[in-house]
Amino acid sequence: MNSKALLSTLIGFDTTSRESNLQLIAFVRDYLNEHQVPCELIFNDERSKANLFATIGVDDRPGVVLSGHTDVVPVDGQPWSVPPFELTERGGKLYGRGTADMKGYIACVLAAVPALLAEPLRMPVHIALSYDEEVGCLGVRSLLAELEQRPHKPALCIIGEPTELKPVLGHKGKLAMRCDVHGAACHSAYAPQGVNAIEYAAELIGELGRIGSTLRAVHLQDPRFDPPFSTVQTGMIGGGKALNIVPADCRFDFEIRTLPDQDAQAVVQQLQTYAREQVVPKMQAVNAATGIRFTELSSYPGLATDVHSEAAKLIAECCGSSEFTTVAFGTEGGLFDAIGIPTVVCGPGSMDQGHKPDEFVSVEQLAGCDRMLERLVAALRS
């Protein structure tokens, strides 16, 4: 099967993160079995989802991982003009949820399997497919825990997120947090007798903004990134029951996206210190049962691969370009890198189309990815 035919099949599986990915994984497993490629599945605790790890070549030395996530973001409420889980070709573009992010790359990797099998490889090539990337890079962690224990850990990884086939060596890390403010309710006519959780949450959000502004200092910036500084933003908030009731509870979620060399936990610690020293005492002076709780929702590290690494050299050879760049969005790359597997990001399509209605990858980009993988096969020929 060529990459377009494989993409058509992959798009047909609704692998929205809230759904199971097992039908897609079963298809890939069966496809690889037909080519006599051994693979293993690493399930979640409920056995409703699985990672897949396959090896082409003799696994007695470090190899190259071709990695992609199988889950996609929801289509709910989006004005699609084509069926989102059915591949539609129009005007040189292939439409469907996940075409760019990132089933197009997976299709190209699977299409390259016969060529990989036909060559004597100087190092093995691994195919790694994960679940729940879109909700915090969750699924790949169990796969990486397995790889970390093996005698021949992979030498490098190519993650096929959509970069228009431009080699990417860096992206920011992310930490998502939740803050629960528990106040004390009373009739709004006697507001001073209560503890207004919304107002204290607003105070915390204001302080979070002030902390975020300090991250823009020139000496903290990295011009390779856009924006060139770490960012903080509050994305969700909720609280209160009625206008004439002082709200007892308020919850807000915020995220910190940091440059690879900066620590998101430092921001959280600053906010926690402010809450503990400035906000909670005022709340508890009115009602001792009040308080503030912080909970981590998800996190992944940034990526900053050395431009002189073997991973960078290989992807430059395959892409025909050593003009390395960075991206604003996160990937699983930082997690691979964290266990000692140098990682680059390079795949077909653009994230400008990702997560949007009528998501697409161009036929030209898909063909370009096929050619990139052909060059990889040539580079790995023994």
Protein backbone atom coordinates (compact mmCIF):
# COMPACT_ATOMS: atom_id res chain seq x y z
CA MET A 1 0.00 0.00 0.00
CA ASN A 2 1.23 3.50 -0.75
CA SER A 3 1.14 6.33 1.79
CA LYS A 4 -2.10 7.85 0.45
CA ALA A 5 -3.97 4.52 0.68
CA LEU A 6 -2.61 3.93 4.16
CA LEU A 7 -3.59 7.44 5.23
CA SER A 8 -7.13 6.81 3.98
CA THR A 9 -7.36 3.76 6.24
CA LEU A 10 -5.81 5.51 9.26
CA ILE A 11 -8.17 8.50 8.97
CA GLY A 12 -11.12 6.10 9.05
CA PHE A 13 -10.37 5.26 12.68
CA ASP A 14 -11.83 7.78 15.13
CA THR A 15 -8.93 7.98 17.55
CA THR A 16 -10.00 11.15 19.34
CA SER A 17 -8.16 11.04 22.67
CA ARG A 18 -11.36 10.22 24.58
CA GLU A 19 -11.82 7.11 22.40
CA SER A 20 -9.85 3.86 22.16
CA ASN A 21 -7.06 3.59 19.59
CA LEU A 22 -7.08 -0.21 19.54
CA GLN A 23 -8.68 -0.59 16.11
CA LEU A 24 -5.94 1.49 14.53
CA ILE A 25 -3.26 -0.33 16.50
CA ALA A 26 -4.69 -3.69 15.41
CA PHE A 27 -4.58 -2.58 11.78
CA VAL A 28 -0.94 -1.52 12.07
CA ARG A 29 -0.04 -4.72 13.92
CA ASP A 30 -1.66 -6.86 11.22
CA TYR A 31 0.02 -4.81 8.47
CA LEU A 32 3.40 -5.32 10.09
CA ASN A 33 2.72 -9.01 10.67
CA GLU A 34 2.01 -9.40 6.95
CA HIS A 35 5.52 -8.08 6.37
CA GLN A 36 6.90 -10.34 9.12
CA VAL A 37 7.88 -7.39 11.29
CA PRO A 38 7.69 -8.25 15.00
CA CYS A 39 5.91 -5.75 17.21
CA GLU A 40 4.70 -5.49 20.77
CA LEU A 41 1.83 -3.66 22.38
CA ILE A 42 2.05 -1.78 25.67
CA PHE A 43 -1.46 -1.29 27.06
CA ASN A 44 -2.85 1.21 29.52
CA ASP A 45 -4.20 -0.11 32.82
CA GLU A 46 -7.74 -0.45 31.41
CA ARG A 47 -6.43 -2.15 28.25
CA SER A 48 -8.51 0.30 26.23
CA LYS A 49 -5.52 1.89 24.53
CA ALA A 50 -2.05 0.78 23.55
CA ASN A 51 1.34 1.92 22.34
CA LEU A 52 2.97 -0.10 19.57
CA PHE A 53 6.69 -0.73 19.19
CA ALA A 54 8.10 -2.60 16.19
CA THR A 55 11.62 -3.35 15.03
CA ILE A 56 13.00 -3.79 11.52
CA GLY A 57 16.49 -5.25 11.42
CA VAL A 58 18.58 -7.00 14.04
CA ASP A 59 17.98 -5.46 17.44
CA ASP A 60 21.53 -5.96 18.75
CA ARG A 61 22.62 -2.33 18.58
CA PRO A 62 21.11 1.15 19.00
CA GLY A 63 18.73 2.14 16.22
CA VAL A 64 16.53 4.89 14.85
CA VAL A 65 12.99 5.42 16.15
CA LEU A 66 10.30 6.73 13.80
CA SER A 67 7.70 7.97 16.24
CA GLY A 68 4.16 9.29 16.02
CA HIS A 69 1.03 9.60 18.13
CA THR A 70 -2.19 7.92 17.07
CA ASP A 71 -4.70 10.14 18.87
CA VAL A 72 -6.34 13.23 17.40
CA VAL A 73 -8.20 16.21 18.81
CA PRO A 74 -12.03 16.40 18.78
CA VAL A 75 -14.09 17.68 15.87
CA ASP A 76 -17.07 18.63 18.06
CA GLY A 77 -18.57 21.98 17.14
CA GLN A 78 -16.23 22.58 14.22
CA PRO A 79 -17.74 23.51 10.82
CA TRP A 80 -16.26 20.77 8.62
CA SER A 81 -17.16 20.82 4.93
CA VAL A 82 -16.01 17.20 4.48
CA PRO A 83 -16.47 14.08 6.64
CA PRO A 84 -13.69 14.38 9.26
CA PHE A 85 -13.06 10.63 9.53
CA GLU A 86 -13.04 9.94 5.82
CA LEU A 87 -10.18 10.96 3.53
CA THR A 88 -11.24 13.51 0.92
CA GLU A 89 -8.92 14.65 -1.87
CA ARG A 90 -9.55 18.05 -3.38
CA GLY A 91 -7.26 20.48 -5.18
CA GLY A 92 -4.08 18.65 -4.26
CA LYS A 93 -5.02 18.46 -0.59
CA LEU A 94 -5.98 15.46 1.53
CA TYR A 95 -8.62 16.38 4.10
CA GLY A 96 -9.51 14.59 7.32
CA ARG A 97 -8.92 14.77 11.06
CA GLY A 98 -5.31 13.82 11.71
CA THR A 99 -4.04 14.17 8.14
CA ALA A 100 -1.47 16.72 9.31
CA ASP A 101 -1.36 15.95 13.02
CA MET A 102 -0.07 13.33 12.52
CA LYS A 103 -1.38 10.31 10.63
CA GLY A 104 0.19 11.54 7.39
CA TYR A 105 3.62 10.81 8.83
CA ILE A 106 2.52 7.44 10.21
CA ALA A 107 1.18 6.49 6.78
CA CYS A 108 4.51 7.37 5.16
CA VAL A 109 6.42 5.35 7.76
CA LEU A 110 4.23 2.30 7.15
CA ALA A 111 4.59 2.72 3.39
CA ALA A 112 8.38 2.66 3.83
CA VAL A 113 8.36 -0.74 5.56
CA PRO A 114 8.92 -2.83 2.38
CA ALA A 115 11.91 -0.66 1.40
CA LEU A 116 13.38 -0.95 4.89
CA LEU A 117 13.01 -4.72 4.77
CA ALA A 118 14.67 -4.92 1.37
CA GLU A 119 17.90 -3.32 2.54
CA PRO A 120 20.69 -4.58 4.81
CA LEU A 121 20.55 -1.91 7.54
CA ARG A 122 23.57 -0.87 9.58
CA MET A 123 21.25 -0.21 12.52
CA PRO A 124 17.67 -1.23 13.28
CA VAL A 125 14.69 1.00 12.58
CA HIS A 126 11.94 1.08 15.19
CA ILE A 127 8.36 2.21 14.70
CA ALA A 128 6.82 3.72 17.85
CA LEU A 129 3.14 4.68 17.98
CA SER A 130 1.67 6.21 21.13
CA TYR A 131 -1.70 7.20 22.56
CA ASP A 132 -2.94 10.26 24.47
CA GLU A 133 -0.30 12.68 23.22
CA GLU A 134 -2.90 15.38 22.70
CA VAL A 135 -3.91 15.35 26.38
CA GLY A 136 -0.48 15.72 27.91
CA CYS A 137 1.92 13.26 26.26
CA LEU A 138 0.60 10.58 28.60
CA GLY A 139 0.72 7.26 26.76
CA VAL A 140 4.29 7.36 25.48
CA ARG A 141 5.67 7.36 29.02
CA SER A 142 5.03 3.65 29.54
CA LEU A 143 6.70 2.90 26.21
CA LEU A 144 9.74 4.97 27.17
CA ALA A 145 9.93 3.22 30.54
CA GLU A 146 10.28 -0.05 28.61
CA LEU A 147 12.95 1.34 26.27
CA GLU A 148 14.96 2.76 29.14
CA GLN A 149 15.47 -0.75 30.55
CA ARG A 150 16.69 -2.36 27.33
CA PRO A 151 20.32 -3.22 26.68
CA HIS A 152 20.33 -1.35 23.37
CA LYS A 153 18.43 1.87 23.82
CA PRO A 154 17.72 3.67 20.52
CA ALA A 155 20.42 6.07 19.33
CA LEU A 156 18.03 8.72 18.04
CA CYS A 157 14.40 9.49 17.30
CA ILE A 158 12.54 11.28 14.50
CA ILE A 159 9.09 12.48 15.53
CA GLY A 160 6.89 13.29 12.55
CA GLU A 161 4.82 16.19 13.87
CA PRO A 162 3.88 18.57 11.04
CA THR A 163 6.81 20.91 10.33
CA GLU A 164 6.45 21.16 6.53
CA LEU A 165 9.40 18.74 6.46
CA LYS A 166 11.69 21.35 8.00
CA PRO A 167 14.07 19.92 10.62
CA VAL A 168 13.19 21.10 14.13
CA LEU A 169 15.58 20.71 17.04
CA GLY A 170 13.76 22.64 19.73
CA HIS A 171 10.41 23.36 21.34
CA LYS A 172 9.15 24.68 24.65
CA GLY A 173 8.10 22.59 27.62
CA LYS A 174 4.68 22.84 29.23
CA LEU A 175 3.25 22.56 32.72
CA ALA A 176 -0.54 22.67 33.18
CA MET A 177 -1.85 23.44 36.68
CA ARG A 178 -5.19 23.77 38.48
CA CYS A 179 -5.85 26.06 41.41
CA ASP A 180 -8.84 25.49 43.70
CA VAL A 181 -9.76 28.39 45.99
CA HIS A 182 -12.09 27.38 48.83
CA GLY A 183 -13.76 30.33 50.49
CA ALA A 184 -16.85 30.70 52.67
CA ALA A 185 -20.36 31.48 51.45
CA CYS A 186 -22.82 33.93 52.95
CA HIS A 187 -25.60 36.26 51.83
CA SER A 188 -24.15 38.95 49.62
CA ALA A 189 -25.77 41.60 51.81
CA TYR A 190 -23.23 40.58 54.45
CA ALA A 191 -20.32 40.07 52.08
CA PRO A 192 -17.57 40.96 54.60
CA GLN A 193 -18.64 37.98 56.70
CA GLY A 194 -17.84 35.60 53.85
CA VAL A 195 -14.66 34.74 51.94
CA ASN A 196 -15.14 35.49 48.25
CA ALA A 197 -13.35 32.69 46.40
CA ILE A 198 -13.68 34.42 43.02
CA GLU A 199 -12.08 37.63 44.24
CA TYR A 200 -9.16 35.77 45.82
CA ALA A 201 -8.77 33.68 42.67
CA ALA A 202 -8.63 36.94 40.71
CA GLU A 203 -5.89 38.15 43.03
CA LEU A 204 -3.90 35.00 42.33
CA ILE A 205 -4.45 35.33 38.58
CA GLY A 206 -3.21 38.90 38.73
CA GLU A 207 -0.08 37.79 40.54
CA LEU A 208 0.40 35.02 37.98
CA GLY A 209 0.34 37.66 35.26
CA ARG A 210 2.94 39.71 37.10
CA ILE A 211 5.19 36.66 37.43
CA GLY A 212 4.71 35.97 33.72
CA SER A 213 5.80 39.49 32.82
CA THR A 214 9.16 38.94 34.54
CA LEU A 215 9.88 36.07 32.14
CA ARG A 216 10.04 38.58 29.28
CA ALA A 217 13.29 40.07 30.59
CA VAL A 218 15.79 40.38 27.75
CA HIS A 219 18.43 38.23 29.46
CA LEU A 220 15.93 35.35 29.70
CA GLN A 221 14.94 35.38 26.01
CA ASP A 222 15.98 32.98 23.26
CA PRO A 223 15.53 34.49 19.77
CA ARG A 224 15.20 31.03 18.18
CA PHE A 225 11.68 30.77 19.59
CA ASP A 226 8.45 32.63 18.84
CA PRO A 227 7.65 34.20 21.19
CA PRO A 228 11.26 34.33 22.41
CA PHE A 229 10.35 34.05 26.10
CA SER A 230 8.47 31.69 28.40
CA THR A 231 4.75 32.40 28.73
CA VAL A 232 2.08 32.05 31.40
CA GLN A 233 -1.66 32.16 30.76
CA THR A 234 -4.91 31.37 32.55
CA GLY A 235 -7.17 29.42 30.23
CA MET A 236 -10.22 28.36 32.25
CA ILE A 237 -12.08 29.66 35.29
CA GLY A 238 -15.33 28.83 37.06
CA GLY A 239 -17.04 29.62 40.33
CA GLY A 240 -20.09 30.99 42.11
CA LYS A 241 -23.72 29.89 42.39
CA ALA A 242 -25.75 33.11 42.29
CA LEU A 243 -25.11 36.84 42.35
CA ASN A 244 -26.57 37.22 45.84
CA ILE A 245 -24.32 34.53 47.33
CA VAL A 246 -20.69 35.18 48.20
CA PRO A 247 -18.98 32.39 46.23
CA ALA A 248 -17.48 29.62 48.32
CA ASP A 249 -15.43 28.07 45.53
CA CYS A 250 -13.54 29.08 42.43
CA ARG A 251 -11.28 27.03 40.20
CA PHE A 252 -8.94 28.18 37.46
CA ASP A 253 -6.51 26.33 35.20
CA PHE A 254 -3.30 27.87 33.96
CA GLU A 255 -0.33 26.79 31.87
CA ILE A 256 3.34 27.68 31.72
CA ARG A 257 5.24 27.18 28.47
CA THR A 258 8.94 27.46 29.13
CA LEU A 259 12.06 27.72 27.05
CA PRO A 260 14.00 24.43 27.26
CA ASP A 261 16.50 25.76 29.82
CA GLN A 262 13.90 27.23 32.17
CA ASP A 263 11.96 25.61 35.01
CA ALA A 264 8.18 25.87 35.02
CA GLN A 265 8.04 24.67 38.62
CA ALA A 266 9.80 27.86 39.68
CA VAL A 267 6.77 29.83 38.49
CA VAL A 268 4.41 27.56 40.41
CA GLN A 269 6.53 27.88 43.53
CA GLN A 270 6.41 31.68 43.30
CA LEU A 271 2.62 31.62 43.02
CA GLN A 272 2.32 29.11 45.88
CA THR A 273 4.52 31.29 48.08
CA TYR A 274 2.38 34.32 47.28
CA ALA A 275 -0.78 32.33 48.06
CA ARG A 276 0.62 31.01 51.32
CA GLU A 277 2.06 34.29 52.58
CA GLN A 278 -0.27 36.94 51.12
CA VAL A 279 -3.65 35.43 50.30
CA VAL A 280 -4.42 32.56 52.69
CA PRO A 281 -3.81 34.63 55.84
CA LYS A 282 -6.44 37.17 54.72
CA MET A 283 -8.90 34.39 53.94
CA GLN A 284 -8.38 32.54 57.20
CA ALA A 285 -8.61 35.72 59.23
CA VAL A 286 -12.31 35.60 58.32
CA ASN A 287 -12.82 31.82 58.27
CA ALA A 288 -10.19 29.29 59.32
CA ALA A 289 -11.70 26.55 57.13
CA THR A 290 -10.75 28.31 53.92
CA GLY A 291 -7.70 27.56 51.81
CA ILE A 292 -6.03 27.16 48.40
CA ARG A 293 -4.95 23.94 46.66
CA PHE A 294 -2.72 23.50 43.59
CA THR A 295 -2.82 20.36 41.43
CA GLU A 296 -0.64 19.44 38.46
CA LEU A 297 -2.71 18.42 35.42
CA SER A 298 0.01 17.49 32.94
CA SER A 299 3.54 18.33 31.92
CA TYR A 300 6.24 17.58 29.40
CA PRO A 301 9.78 18.88 29.03
CA GLY A 302 11.11 21.11 26.29
CA LEU A 303 13.48 19.96 23.58
CA ALA A 304 16.87 21.41 22.65
CA THR A 305 18.83 18.91 20.55
CA ASP A 306 22.45 19.75 19.82
CA VAL A 307 22.91 20.87 16.21
CA HIS A 308 26.10 18.78 16.10
CA SER A 309 24.41 15.56 17.28
CA GLU A 310 24.09 12.45 15.12
CA ALA A 311 20.32 12.95 15.15
CA ALA A 312 20.72 16.44 13.68
CA LYS A 313 23.20 15.24 11.07
CA LEU A 314 20.94 12.39 9.97
CA ILE A 315 17.80 14.49 9.65
CA ALA A 316 19.76 17.15 7.75
CA GLU A 317 20.90 14.47 5.30
CA CYS A 318 17.36 13.14 4.89
CA CYS A 319 15.75 16.58 4.55
CA GLY A 320 18.51 18.04 2.45
CA SER A 321 18.72 20.98 4.84
CA SER A 322 20.70 21.93 7.92
CA GLU A 323 18.64 25.07 8.50
CA PHE A 324 17.29 23.92 11.83
CA THR A 325 14.40 25.72 13.47
CA THR A 326 12.11 25.56 16.50
CA VAL A 327 8.33 25.30 16.98
CA ALA A 328 5.98 26.81 19.53
CA PHE A 329 3.95 23.64 20.10
CA GLY A 330 5.12 20.74 22.24
CA THR A 331 5.86 17.15 21.27
CA GLU A 332 6.89 13.88 22.87
CA GLY A 333 10.44 14.74 21.84
CA GLY A 334 11.42 16.17 25.20
CA LEU A 335 10.45 12.89 26.88
CA PHE A 336 12.58 10.83 24.46
CA ASP A 337 15.45 13.24 24.98
CA ALA A 338 15.05 13.06 28.76
CA ILE A 339 15.95 9.34 28.75
CA GLY A 340 18.98 9.88 26.55
CA ILE A 341 17.51 9.47 23.05
CA PRO A 342 18.44 12.57 21.00
CA THR A 343 15.37 13.66 19.07
CA VAL A 344 14.45 15.78 16.08
CA VAL A 345 10.98 16.73 14.86
CA CYS A 346 10.23 16.60 11.15
CA GLY A 347 7.05 15.64 9.36
CA PRO A 348 4.65 16.49 6.53
CA GLY A 349 2.02 19.19 6.72
CA SER A 350 1.72 22.29 8.87
CA MET A 351 0.41 22.80 12.37
CA ASP A 352 -1.42 25.80 10.89
CA GLN A 353 -3.93 23.17 9.74
CA GLY A 354 -3.78 21.06 12.90
CA HIS A 355 -6.71 21.14 15.33
CA LYS A 356 -8.85 23.09 12.84
CA PRO A 357 -11.90 22.15 10.77
CA ASP A 358 -11.02 20.83 7.31
CA GLU A 359 -7.56 19.81 8.47
CA PHE A 360 -5.42 18.72 5.54
CA VAL A 361 -2.00 17.66 4.34
CA SER A 362 -1.03 18.39 0.76
CA VAL A 363 -0.32 15.56 -1.67
CA GLU A 364 3.03 17.27 -2.29
CA GLN A 365 3.97 17.19 1.41
CA LEU A 366 3.02 13.52 1.70
CA ALA A 367 5.17 12.70 -1.33
CA GLY A 368 7.99 14.77 0.16
CA CYS A 369 7.84 12.71 3.34
CA ASP A 370 8.02 9.52 1.26
CA ARG A 371 11.20 10.89 -0.34
CA MET A 372 12.64 11.84 3.04
CA LEU A 373 12.17 8.29 4.27
CA GLU A 374 13.70 6.93 1.06
CA ARG A 375 16.79 8.99 1.85
CA LEU A 376 16.75 7.63 5.39
CA VAL A 377 16.76 4.07 4.01
CA ALA A 378 19.73 4.97 1.81
CA ALA A 379 21.56 6.58 4.74
CA LEU A 380 21.10 3.47 6.89
CA ARG A 381 22.18 1.02 4.19
CA SER A 382 25.13 -1.02 5.45
